[in-house]
C-alpha cells in the first residue's frame, strides 16, 4: 500500500513524511526530541501558499525550510490511521485528543491559543476524551471499538477486529482518560484520508510509553496488511 503522509517518531525524534506529486520526501523535525511518560501536545501545519510547514511541541514552534511542493492529488484517498502506518510501525503510547483541519494552515498564534485551551472549529473532526468519551465502550480497560468526533458528524476512528483494538484508560494523561496503543497490533481507522489539499493542520495530545524507530502516530495511506 501507499503511505501518503504520516506523523511519526524516529530515533526518539518527531518526523513528518509527505508524498508530493513525484515521490516520498522525508521532512525531519529539526531534532525535536519526544520524551517518554510525559504528556506532549504536537501539531503540524502545512502551508502551500508559503511553501512551508511547521512543527509545534509543547508550545514551541519549529519550521522546516524544505519546500513542501504540491500534495499528491490522491492524498484524500485511502484511510486515516491512528497508531500505525500503511502496514507496520505500530506505536506504543496513549492519546487523548486529536484534531484534523483541512484547507487552511493556522498561524502560530492560533496554534498557541489552541494549546492553551482555545477550541477552534475543525472542518474534519475533533476527537477528544476529557469532555466526555465518545467511544463504544467507556469502562476502564475496555477495548475501544470506535472513537467518534465531538461534532456529532458520525466520523469515527474504528476497529472491527477485537484483537487489534486499543484500550480505554480512565486515568491516563494528567489524570484524564486516554486510549492506550500497545505497539504490537493496535490501530484505529477513519474511512477518509487526512488531507484533500496542500494546506491543513493535525493536532494530537500524546504520551509515549516506549520509543522505537518509525513509530507512527497518524498516517494517511492505502493499507496493506
Protein backbone atom coordinates (compact mmCIF):
# COMPACT_ATOMS: atom_id res chain seq x y z
CA UNK A 1 0.00 0.00 0.00
CA UNK A 2 0.97 3.64 -0.45
CA UNK A 3 1.63 5.89 2.55
CA UNK A 4 0.69 9.42 1.51
CA UNK A 5 1.65 11.27 4.66
CA UNK A 6 2.45 10.46 8.28
CA UNK A 7 3.39 11.92 11.64
CA UNK A 8 5.87 9.60 13.31
CA UNK A 9 8.65 9.17 15.83
CA UNK A 10 12.03 8.08 14.50
CA UNK A 11 15.02 7.62 16.82
CA UNK A 12 13.07 9.46 19.55
CA UNK A 13 12.52 12.47 17.27
CA UNK A 14 9.36 13.79 15.64
CA UNK A 15 9.18 13.44 11.86
CA UNK A 16 6.68 14.21 9.14
CA UNK A 17 6.53 12.26 5.88
CA UNK A 18 4.86 13.95 2.90
CA UNK A 19 4.17 12.47 -0.52
CA UNK A 20 4.28 15.07 -3.27
CA UNK A 21 3.30 14.61 -6.91
CA UNK A 22 6.57 12.81 -7.62
CA UNK A 23 7.86 10.74 -4.74
CA UNK A 24 8.03 10.36 -0.98
CA UNK A 25 10.08 13.00 0.81
CA UNK A 26 11.03 12.78 4.47
CA UNK A 27 10.99 16.08 6.35
CA UNK A 28 12.69 15.84 9.70
CA UNK A 29 11.77 17.84 12.75
CA UNK A 30 14.89 19.92 13.40
CA UNK A 31 15.80 17.37 16.10
CA UNK A 32 12.65 17.75 18.19
CA UNK A 33 13.05 15.10 20.89
CA UNK A 34 9.94 13.31 22.19
CA UNK A 35 10.05 12.44 25.92
CA UNK A 36 8.64 9.24 27.39
CA UNK A 37 5.97 9.17 30.10
CA UNK A 38 5.20 12.86 29.63
CA UNK A 39 2.15 14.46 28.05
CA UNK A 40 3.05 16.41 24.91
CA UNK A 41 0.87 18.43 22.58
CA UNK A 42 2.04 18.03 18.99
CA UNK A 43 0.86 20.00 15.95
CA UNK A 44 1.89 20.10 12.29
CA UNK A 45 0.71 22.87 9.97
CA UNK A 46 1.08 22.63 6.19
CA UNK A 47 1.03 25.89 4.23
CA UNK A 48 1.21 25.52 0.47
CA UNK A 49 0.81 29.28 -0.08
CA UNK A 50 4.16 29.94 1.60
CA UNK A 51 5.60 26.55 0.62
CA UNK A 52 6.41 25.61 4.21
CA UNK A 53 5.39 23.55 7.19
CA UNK A 54 5.83 23.97 10.93
CA UNK A 55 6.07 21.61 13.89
CA UNK A 56 4.81 22.59 17.34
CA UNK A 57 5.74 20.74 20.51
CA UNK A 58 4.66 21.92 23.96
CA UNK A 59 4.13 25.45 22.67
CA UNK A 60 7.45 25.80 20.84
CA UNK A 61 7.47 26.23 17.09
CA UNK A 62 9.99 24.68 14.72
CA UNK A 63 9.95 25.40 11.00
CA UNK A 64 11.44 23.17 8.35
CA UNK A 65 12.91 25.17 5.46
CA UNK A 66 12.44 22.38 2.91
CA UNK A 67 9.83 23.32 0.31
CA UNK A 68 6.54 21.48 0.64
CA UNK A 69 5.73 21.36 -3.06
CA UNK A 70 2.34 20.05 -4.20
CA UNK A 71 0.48 17.34 -2.33
CA UNK A 72 -0.16 14.13 -4.20
CA UNK A 73 -3.65 14.67 -5.64
CA UNK A 74 -4.79 11.29 -4.31
CA UNK A 75 -3.84 12.04 -0.69
CA UNK A 76 -7.50 12.32 0.27
CA UNK A 77 -7.89 8.68 -0.75
CA UNK A 78 -7.34 5.69 1.49
CA UNK A 79 -7.77 5.78 5.25
CA UNK A 80 -6.61 7.95 8.11
CA UNK A 81 -4.79 5.65 10.52
CA UNK A 82 -4.06 6.17 14.21
CA UNK A 83 -1.36 4.00 15.79
CA UNK A 84 0.22 2.58 12.62
CA UNK A 85 1.44 3.39 9.11
CA UNK A 86 0.16 1.62 6.00
CA UNK A 87 1.43 -1.82 7.01
CA UNK A 88 3.62 -1.66 10.14
CA UNK A 89 5.36 0.76 12.56
CA UNK A 90 2.91 0.39 15.45
CA UNK A 91 3.15 2.95 18.23
CA UNK A 92 3.32 2.31 21.97
CA UNK A 93 1.63 5.15 23.83
CA UNK A 94 -1.54 6.98 24.86
CA UNK A 95 -3.64 9.59 23.03
CA UNK A 96 -6.48 11.66 24.48
CA UNK A 97 -7.03 14.42 21.91
CA UNK A 98 -6.80 14.57 18.12
CA UNK A 99 -7.94 17.18 15.60
CA UNK A 100 -7.83 17.49 11.80
CA UNK A 101 -8.39 20.75 9.90
CA UNK A 102 -8.29 20.88 6.10
CA UNK A 103 -7.81 23.66 3.55
CA UNK A 104 -6.25 26.13 5.98
CA UNK A 105 -2.97 26.48 7.85
CA UNK A 106 -3.35 28.08 11.27
CA UNK A 107 -0.96 30.83 12.31
CA UNK A 108 1.49 30.30 15.20
CA UNK A 109 -0.70 32.47 17.47
CA UNK A 110 -3.77 30.38 16.60
CA UNK A 111 -1.91 27.15 17.34
CA UNK A 112 -0.59 28.57 20.63
CA UNK A 113 -4.14 29.55 21.63
CA UNK A 114 -5.36 26.02 20.95
CA UNK A 115 -2.55 24.58 23.06
CA UNK A 116 -3.64 26.86 25.90
CA UNK A 117 -7.19 25.53 25.70
CA UNK A 118 -8.92 27.51 22.95
CA UNK A 119 -11.31 25.45 20.86
CA UNK A 120 -11.00 26.03 17.09
CA UNK A 121 -13.72 24.61 14.89
CA UNK A 122 -12.27 21.77 12.82
CA UNK A 123 -13.80 21.03 9.42
CA UNK A 124 -12.97 17.34 9.60
CA UNK A 125 -13.24 16.41 13.27
CA UNK A 126 -12.09 16.75 16.86
CA UNK A 127 -11.65 13.54 18.83
CA UNK A 128 -11.46 14.48 22.50
CA UNK A 129 -11.89 12.36 25.63
CA UNK A 130 -11.72 14.69 28.62
CA UNK A 131 -15.05 16.42 27.94
CA UNK A 132 -16.94 13.12 27.75
CA UNK A 133 -15.82 9.94 25.97
CA UNK A 134 -17.35 9.25 22.58
CA UNK A 135 -16.29 5.64 22.43
CA UNK A 136 -18.35 2.49 22.06
CA UNK A 137 -17.00 1.19 25.38
CA UNK A 138 -16.06 3.53 28.22
CA UNK A 139 -15.25 1.34 31.22
CA UNK A 140 -11.63 1.29 32.36
CA UNK A 141 -9.54 -1.28 30.45
CA UNK A 142 -12.22 -1.92 27.82
CA UNK A 143 -11.08 -2.38 24.20
CA UNK A 144 -12.09 0.58 22.02
CA UNK A 145 -14.30 -0.42 19.10
CA UNK A 146 -14.89 3.16 17.89
CA UNK A 147 -13.97 6.72 18.83
CA UNK A 148 -16.29 9.39 17.39
CA UNK A 149 -15.62 13.10 16.88
CA UNK A 150 -17.30 15.56 19.25
CA UNK A 151 -19.12 17.34 16.37
CA UNK A 152 -21.71 14.58 16.12
CA UNK A 153 -20.98 14.07 12.42
CA UNK A 154 -20.64 10.30 12.89
CA UNK A 155 -16.97 10.35 11.87
CA UNK A 156 -15.28 7.67 13.85
CA UNK A 157 -11.90 6.01 14.18
CA UNK A 158 -12.97 2.36 14.34
CA UNK A 159 -11.57 -1.14 14.66
CA UNK A 160 -13.66 -4.20 13.80
CA UNK A 161 -11.11 -6.82 14.87
CA UNK A 162 -11.22 -7.36 18.64
CA UNK A 163 -7.54 -8.30 18.97
CA UNK A 164 -6.43 -5.05 17.26
CA UNK A 165 -8.42 -2.63 19.44
CA UNK A 166 -6.55 -0.23 21.72
CA UNK A 167 -7.55 0.05 25.38
CA UNK A 168 -9.57 2.78 27.11
CA UNK A 169 -7.91 4.06 30.31
CA UNK A 170 -9.88 6.23 32.74
CA UNK A 171 -6.75 7.92 34.17
CA UNK A 172 -4.05 8.07 31.53
CA UNK A 173 -2.74 11.60 30.85
CA UNK A 174 -2.68 14.08 33.73
CA UNK A 175 -5.44 12.17 35.48
CA UNK A 176 -7.62 12.38 32.37
CA UNK A 177 -8.81 9.50 30.18
CA UNK A 178 -6.83 8.23 27.22
CA UNK A 179 -6.60 5.45 24.66
CA UNK A 180 -3.60 3.14 25.00
CA UNK A 181 -1.99 1.65 21.87
CA UNK A 182 0.17 -1.39 22.66
CA UNK A 183 2.89 -1.05 19.99
CA UNK A 184 2.13 -4.55 18.70
CA UNK A 185 -1.08 -4.58 16.64
CA UNK A 186 -3.44 -1.84 17.89
CA UNK A 187 -4.82 0.51 15.23
CA UNK A 188 -7.89 2.70 14.63
CA UNK A 189 -9.10 3.73 11.15
CA UNK A 190 -11.09 6.66 9.79
CA UNK A 191 -12.53 5.98 6.35
CA UNK A 192 -11.01 9.00 4.61
CA UNK A 193 -7.54 10.47 4.14
CA UNK A 194 -6.16 13.23 6.33
CA UNK A 195 -5.94 15.96 3.67
CA UNK A 196 -7.56 16.86 0.35
CA UNK A 197 -5.44 19.93 -0.38
CA UNK A 198 -1.93 21.21 0.24
CA UNK A 199 -2.95 23.02 3.43
CA UNK A 200 -4.06 21.67 6.76
CA UNK A 201 -3.37 21.05 10.41
CA UNK A 202 -3.03 17.93 12.57
CA UNK A 203 -3.12 18.07 16.36
CA UNK A 204 -2.55 15.22 18.78
CA UNK A 205 -2.03 15.06 22.55
CA UNK A 206 0.25 12.13 23.23
CA UNK A 207 2.22 10.32 25.92
CA UNK A 208 4.81 7.83 24.72
CA UNK A 209 5.26 4.67 26.79
CA UNK A 210 8.32 3.47 24.88
CA UNK A 211 10.09 4.88 21.84
CA UNK A 212 11.34 2.95 18.82
CA UNK A 213 12.27 3.78 15.23
CA UNK A 214 9.40 4.70 12.90
CA UNK A 215 6.54 4.52 15.39
CA UNK A 216 3.60 6.14 13.58
CA UNK A 217 1.13 8.36 15.45
CA UNK A 218 -1.06 9.26 12.46
CA UNK A 219 -0.97 8.41 8.76
CA UNK A 220 -2.95 8.68 5.56
CA UNK A 221 -2.45 5.55 3.48
CA UNK A 222 -3.74 2.84 1.21
CA UNK A 223 -3.29 -0.07 3.58
CA UNK A 224 -1.55 -3.38 3.09
CA UNK A 225 -1.56 -5.97 5.81
